[in-house]
Amino acid sequence: GLSRDDSMKVLKTAASKLSVKTKVVSKATMKKIIKEIRSKSIAELEKQRVSLAEEIAKLKLSKKAIPQKDSNLLKKKRKQMAILLTIMTEKKELEDIKK
């Protein structure tokens, strides 16, 4: 594979050719986020899921009326929701196995 520096150069070159703002997220960053989510209880995850669902609904409504500065915000929130739901499902299945 490529070194980190070489891969960053390639990604920056590719990003400069796109008409949208891009951001590189390392595996370490994603692992940190996922670890933080996994450390929460199912009840806490459920509260976060409800809050995230409300945010997504508000973004959908305001998207048409008031364009956001960050056009990828809705996509990011949906990604967070997918990660959250996946971890919730894993935790519930583990609880069922333990019973």
N, C-alpha and C. Protein backbone atom coordinates (compact mmCIF):
# COMPACT_ATOMS: atom_id res chain seq x y z
N GLY A 1 0.80 -1.18 0.00
CA GLY A 1 0.00 0.00 0.00
C GLY A 1 0.85 1.26 0.00
N LEU A 2 0.17 2.35 -0.06
CA LEU A 2 0.83 3.66 -0.05
C LEU A 2 1.12 4.11 1.37
N SER A 3 2.12 4.96 1.49
CA SER A 3 2.38 5.57 2.79
C SER A 3 1.27 6.58 3.07
N ARG A 4 1.15 6.99 4.32
CA ARG A 4 0.11 7.95 4.69
C ARG A 4 0.27 9.26 3.93
N ASP A 5 1.51 9.74 3.81
CA ASP A 5 1.76 11.00 3.10
C ASP A 5 1.36 10.90 1.63
N ASP A 6 1.75 9.80 0.98
CA ASP A 6 1.41 9.62 -0.43
C ASP A 6 -0.10 9.52 -0.63
N SER A 7 -0.76 8.78 0.26
CA SER A 7 -2.21 8.64 0.11
C SER A 7 -2.92 9.97 0.34
N MET A 8 -2.42 10.81 1.26
CA MET A 8 -3.01 12.13 1.48
C MET A 8 -2.83 13.02 0.25
N LYS A 9 -1.68 12.93 -0.41
CA LYS A 9 -1.45 13.71 -1.63
C LYS A 9 -2.44 13.30 -2.71
N VAL A 10 -2.64 12.00 -2.87
CA VAL A 10 -3.56 11.49 -3.89
C VAL A 10 -4.99 11.95 -3.59
N LEU A 11 -5.38 11.84 -2.31
CA LEU A 11 -6.73 12.25 -1.94
C LEU A 11 -6.94 13.75 -2.11
N LYS A 12 -5.93 14.56 -1.80
CA LYS A 12 -6.05 16.01 -1.98
C LYS A 12 -6.16 16.36 -3.46
N THR A 13 -5.42 15.66 -4.30
CA THR A 13 -5.50 15.90 -5.74
C THR A 13 -6.90 15.56 -6.25
N ALA A 14 -7.42 14.41 -5.81
CA ALA A 14 -8.76 14.01 -6.23
C ALA A 14 -9.80 14.99 -5.71
N ALA A 15 -9.66 15.43 -4.46
CA ALA A 15 -10.62 16.36 -3.86
C ALA A 15 -10.63 17.69 -4.59
N SER A 16 -9.48 18.12 -5.07
CA SER A 16 -9.42 19.41 -5.77
C SER A 16 -10.20 19.39 -7.08
N LYS A 17 -10.43 18.21 -7.61
CA LYS A 17 -11.17 18.08 -8.87
C LYS A 17 -12.67 17.96 -8.66
N LEU A 18 -13.09 17.80 -7.40
CA LEU A 18 -14.51 17.68 -7.10
C LEU A 18 -15.10 19.06 -6.81
N SER A 19 -16.37 19.21 -7.09
CA SER A 19 -17.02 20.50 -6.87
C SER A 19 -17.60 20.62 -5.45
N VAL A 20 -17.39 19.60 -4.62
CA VAL A 20 -17.89 19.63 -3.25
C VAL A 20 -16.73 19.58 -2.26
N LYS A 21 -17.00 20.07 -1.06
CA LYS A 21 -15.99 20.06 -0.01
C LYS A 21 -15.80 18.62 0.48
N THR A 22 -14.56 18.22 0.67
CA THR A 22 -14.28 16.86 1.11
C THR A 22 -13.48 16.88 2.41
N LYS A 23 -13.53 15.77 3.11
CA LYS A 23 -12.80 15.63 4.35
C LYS A 23 -12.33 14.18 4.46
N VAL A 24 -11.09 13.98 4.84
CA VAL A 24 -10.54 12.64 5.00
C VAL A 24 -10.68 12.24 6.46
N VAL A 25 -11.32 11.10 6.70
CA VAL A 25 -11.49 10.59 8.05
C VAL A 25 -10.69 9.31 8.15
N SER A 26 -9.77 9.26 9.08
CA SER A 26 -8.91 8.09 9.21
C SER A 26 -9.66 6.96 9.92
N LYS A 27 -9.14 5.76 9.77
CA LYS A 27 -9.72 4.62 10.46
C LYS A 27 -9.65 4.81 11.97
N ALA A 28 -8.58 5.43 12.43
CA ALA A 28 -8.41 5.65 13.86
C ALA A 28 -9.53 6.55 14.40
N THR A 29 -9.90 7.55 13.64
CA THR A 29 -10.98 8.44 14.05
C THR A 29 -12.30 7.70 14.11
N MET A 30 -12.59 6.90 13.09
CA MET A 30 -13.82 6.13 13.08
C MET A 30 -13.84 5.12 14.22
N LYS A 31 -12.72 4.48 14.49
CA LYS A 31 -12.65 3.52 15.59
C LYS A 31 -12.93 4.20 16.92
N LYS A 32 -12.43 5.42 17.08
CA LYS A 32 -12.65 6.18 18.30
C LYS A 32 -14.14 6.48 18.48
N ILE A 33 -14.79 6.91 17.40
CA ILE A 33 -16.22 7.22 17.44
C ILE A 33 -17.02 5.97 17.78
N ILE A 34 -16.70 4.87 17.13
CA ILE A 34 -17.43 3.62 17.35
C ILE A 34 -17.20 3.11 18.78
N LYS A 35 -15.98 3.24 19.27
CA LYS A 35 -15.68 2.81 20.64
C LYS A 35 -16.51 3.61 21.64
N GLU A 36 -16.65 4.91 21.39
CA GLU A 36 -17.43 5.79 22.26
C GLU A 36 -18.90 5.35 22.26
N ILE A 37 -19.43 5.01 21.09
CA ILE A 37 -20.82 4.58 21.00
C ILE A 37 -21.01 3.23 21.69
N ARG A 38 -20.08 2.32 21.50
CA ARG A 38 -20.19 0.99 22.10
C ARG A 38 -20.14 1.02 23.63
N SER A 39 -19.53 2.06 24.19
CA SER A 39 -19.41 2.15 25.64
C SER A 39 -20.73 2.54 26.31
N LYS A 40 -21.72 2.97 25.53
CA LYS A 40 -23.00 3.40 26.09
C LYS A 40 -23.96 2.22 26.26
N SER A 41 -24.91 2.39 27.18
CA SER A 41 -25.92 1.36 27.40
C SER A 41 -26.98 1.45 26.30
N ILE A 42 -27.82 0.42 26.22
CA ILE A 42 -28.88 0.40 25.21
C ILE A 42 -29.86 1.55 25.45
N ALA A 43 -30.15 1.86 26.71
CA ALA A 43 -31.06 2.97 27.03
C ALA A 43 -30.49 4.30 26.53
N GLU A 44 -29.19 4.51 26.75
CA GLU A 44 -28.53 5.74 26.28
C GLU A 44 -28.53 5.79 24.75
N LEU A 45 -28.30 4.64 24.13
CA LEU A 45 -28.30 4.59 22.66
C LEU A 45 -29.69 4.89 22.11
N GLU A 46 -30.72 4.42 22.80
CA GLU A 46 -32.09 4.67 22.36
C GLU A 46 -32.40 6.17 22.44
N LYS A 47 -31.96 6.83 23.52
CA LYS A 47 -32.16 8.28 23.64
C LYS A 47 -31.44 9.01 22.51
N GLN A 48 -30.22 8.56 22.22
CA GLN A 48 -29.44 9.19 21.15
C GLN A 48 -30.10 8.96 19.80
N ARG A 49 -30.69 7.77 19.61
CA ARG A 49 -31.36 7.45 18.35
C ARG A 49 -32.56 8.37 18.13
N VAL A 50 -33.35 8.59 19.19
CA VAL A 50 -34.53 9.46 19.08
C VAL A 50 -34.08 10.89 18.75
N SER A 51 -33.06 11.35 19.44
CA SER A 51 -32.54 12.70 19.21
C SER A 51 -32.03 12.85 17.77
N LEU A 52 -31.31 11.84 17.31
CA LEU A 52 -30.76 11.87 15.95
C LEU A 52 -31.88 11.83 14.91
N ALA A 53 -32.93 11.05 15.17
CA ALA A 53 -34.06 10.97 14.25
C ALA A 53 -34.75 12.34 14.14
N GLU A 54 -34.86 13.04 15.29
CA GLU A 54 -35.46 14.37 15.27
C GLU A 54 -34.60 15.35 14.47
N GLU A 55 -33.28 15.27 14.66
CA GLU A 55 -32.37 16.14 13.91
C GLU A 55 -32.50 15.90 12.41
N ILE A 56 -32.56 14.63 12.02
CA ILE A 56 -32.68 14.28 10.60
C ILE A 56 -33.98 14.83 10.03
N ALA A 57 -35.08 14.68 10.78
CA ALA A 57 -36.37 15.20 10.32
C ALA A 57 -36.33 16.72 10.15
N LYS A 58 -35.72 17.41 11.11
CA LYS A 58 -35.61 18.87 11.01
C LYS A 58 -34.75 19.29 9.82
N LEU A 59 -33.67 18.54 9.59
CA LEU A 59 -32.81 18.86 8.44
C LEU A 59 -33.54 18.67 7.13
N LYS A 60 -34.35 17.62 7.04
CA LYS A 60 -35.11 17.38 5.81
C LYS A 60 -36.08 18.52 5.55
N LEU A 61 -36.72 18.99 6.61
CA LEU A 61 -37.68 20.09 6.44
C LEU A 61 -37.00 21.40 6.09
N SER A 62 -35.91 21.69 6.79
CA SER A 62 -35.23 22.97 6.57
C SER A 62 -34.38 22.98 5.30
N LYS A 63 -34.09 21.82 4.77
CA LYS A 63 -33.25 21.71 3.57
C LYS A 63 -33.85 22.49 2.39
N LYS A 64 -35.16 22.40 2.26
CA LYS A 64 -35.81 23.07 1.14
C LYS A 64 -36.00 24.56 1.39
N ALA A 65 -36.28 24.93 2.64
CA ALA A 65 -36.54 26.33 2.96
C ALA A 65 -35.25 27.13 3.10
N ILE A 66 -34.29 26.59 3.86
CA ILE A 66 -33.04 27.29 4.14
C ILE A 66 -31.86 26.37 3.82
N PRO A 67 -31.17 26.59 2.73
CA PRO A 67 -30.02 25.73 2.41
C PRO A 67 -28.94 25.81 3.49
N GLN A 68 -28.40 24.67 3.87
CA GLN A 68 -27.37 24.59 4.90
C GLN A 68 -26.01 24.93 4.31
N LYS A 69 -25.11 25.45 5.15
CA LYS A 69 -23.74 25.70 4.71
C LYS A 69 -23.04 24.38 4.41
N ASP A 70 -23.29 23.40 5.28
CA ASP A 70 -22.71 22.07 5.09
C ASP A 70 -23.74 21.20 4.38
N SER A 71 -23.59 21.05 3.07
CA SER A 71 -24.57 20.32 2.29
C SER A 71 -24.57 18.82 2.57
N ASN A 72 -23.53 18.34 3.24
CA ASN A 72 -23.44 16.91 3.55
C ASN A 72 -23.93 16.59 4.96
N LEU A 73 -24.47 17.55 5.66
CA LEU A 73 -24.87 17.35 7.05
C LEU A 73 -25.92 16.25 7.18
N LEU A 74 -26.90 16.23 6.30
CA LEU A 74 -27.93 15.20 6.34
C LEU A 74 -27.32 13.82 6.12
N LYS A 75 -26.41 13.72 5.18
CA LYS A 75 -25.74 12.45 4.91
C LYS A 75 -24.93 11.99 6.13
N LYS A 76 -24.26 12.94 6.79
CA LYS A 76 -23.47 12.61 7.98
C LYS A 76 -24.36 12.09 9.10
N LYS A 77 -25.50 12.74 9.28
CA LYS A 77 -26.43 12.33 10.34
C LYS A 77 -27.00 10.94 10.04
N ARG A 78 -27.29 10.68 8.77
CA ARG A 78 -27.79 9.35 8.40
C ARG A 78 -26.74 8.27 8.64
N LYS A 79 -25.48 8.60 8.38
CA LYS A 79 -24.37 7.68 8.62
C LYS A 79 -24.26 7.40 10.12
N GLN A 80 -24.38 8.47 10.94
CA GLN A 80 -24.35 8.28 12.40
C GLN A 80 -25.49 7.38 12.85
N MET A 81 -26.66 7.57 12.25
CA MET A 81 -27.82 6.75 12.60
C MET A 81 -27.58 5.29 12.24
N ALA A 82 -27.00 5.04 11.08
CA ALA A 82 -26.72 3.67 10.66
C ALA A 82 -25.74 2.99 11.62
N ILE A 83 -24.70 3.70 12.01
CA ILE A 83 -23.72 3.15 12.95
C ILE A 83 -24.39 2.86 14.29
N LEU A 84 -25.19 3.81 14.75
CA LEU A 84 -25.89 3.68 16.02
C LEU A 84 -26.83 2.47 16.02
N LEU A 85 -27.61 2.33 14.96
CA LEU A 85 -28.56 1.21 14.87
C LEU A 85 -27.84 -0.13 14.79
N THR A 86 -26.72 -0.16 14.09
CA THR A 86 -25.94 -1.39 13.98
C THR A 86 -25.43 -1.82 15.35
N ILE A 87 -24.89 -0.89 16.10
CA ILE A 87 -24.36 -1.20 17.42
C ILE A 87 -25.48 -1.59 18.38
N MET A 88 -26.63 -0.91 18.28
CA MET A 88 -27.77 -1.27 19.13
C MET A 88 -28.21 -2.71 18.85
N THR A 89 -28.27 -3.08 17.58
CA THR A 89 -28.66 -4.43 17.21
C THR A 89 -27.66 -5.45 17.75
N GLU A 90 -26.37 -5.16 17.64
CA GLU A 90 -25.34 -6.05 18.16
C GLU A 90 -25.51 -6.25 19.67
N LYS A 91 -25.73 -5.16 20.39
CA LYS A 91 -25.88 -5.23 21.85
C LYS A 91 -27.12 -6.04 22.23
N LYS A 92 -28.22 -5.82 21.52
CA LYS A 92 -29.45 -6.57 21.82
C LYS A 92 -29.27 -8.06 21.55
N GLU A 93 -28.59 -8.39 20.46
CA GLU A 93 -28.34 -9.80 20.15
C GLU A 93 -27.44 -10.44 21.19
N LEU A 94 -26.46 -9.72 21.67
CA LEU A 94 -25.57 -10.25 22.72
C LEU A 94 -26.35 -10.49 24.01
N GLU A 95 -27.26 -9.58 24.34
CA GLU A 95 -28.10 -9.77 25.54
C GLU A 95 -28.97 -11.00 25.39
N ASP A 96 -29.53 -11.22 24.19
CA ASP A 96 -30.38 -12.40 23.95
C ASP A 96 -29.58 -13.68 24.08
N ILE A 97 -28.34 -13.66 23.61
CA ILE A 97 -27.48 -14.85 23.70
C ILE A 97 -27.14 -15.16 25.16
N LYS A 98 -26.90 -14.10 25.94
CA LYS A 98 -26.54 -14.28 27.35
C LYS A 98 -27.70 -14.83 28.18
N LYS A 99 -28.94 -14.59 27.73
CA LYS A 99 -30.12 -15.05 28.48
C LYS A 99 -30.30 -16.51 28.31
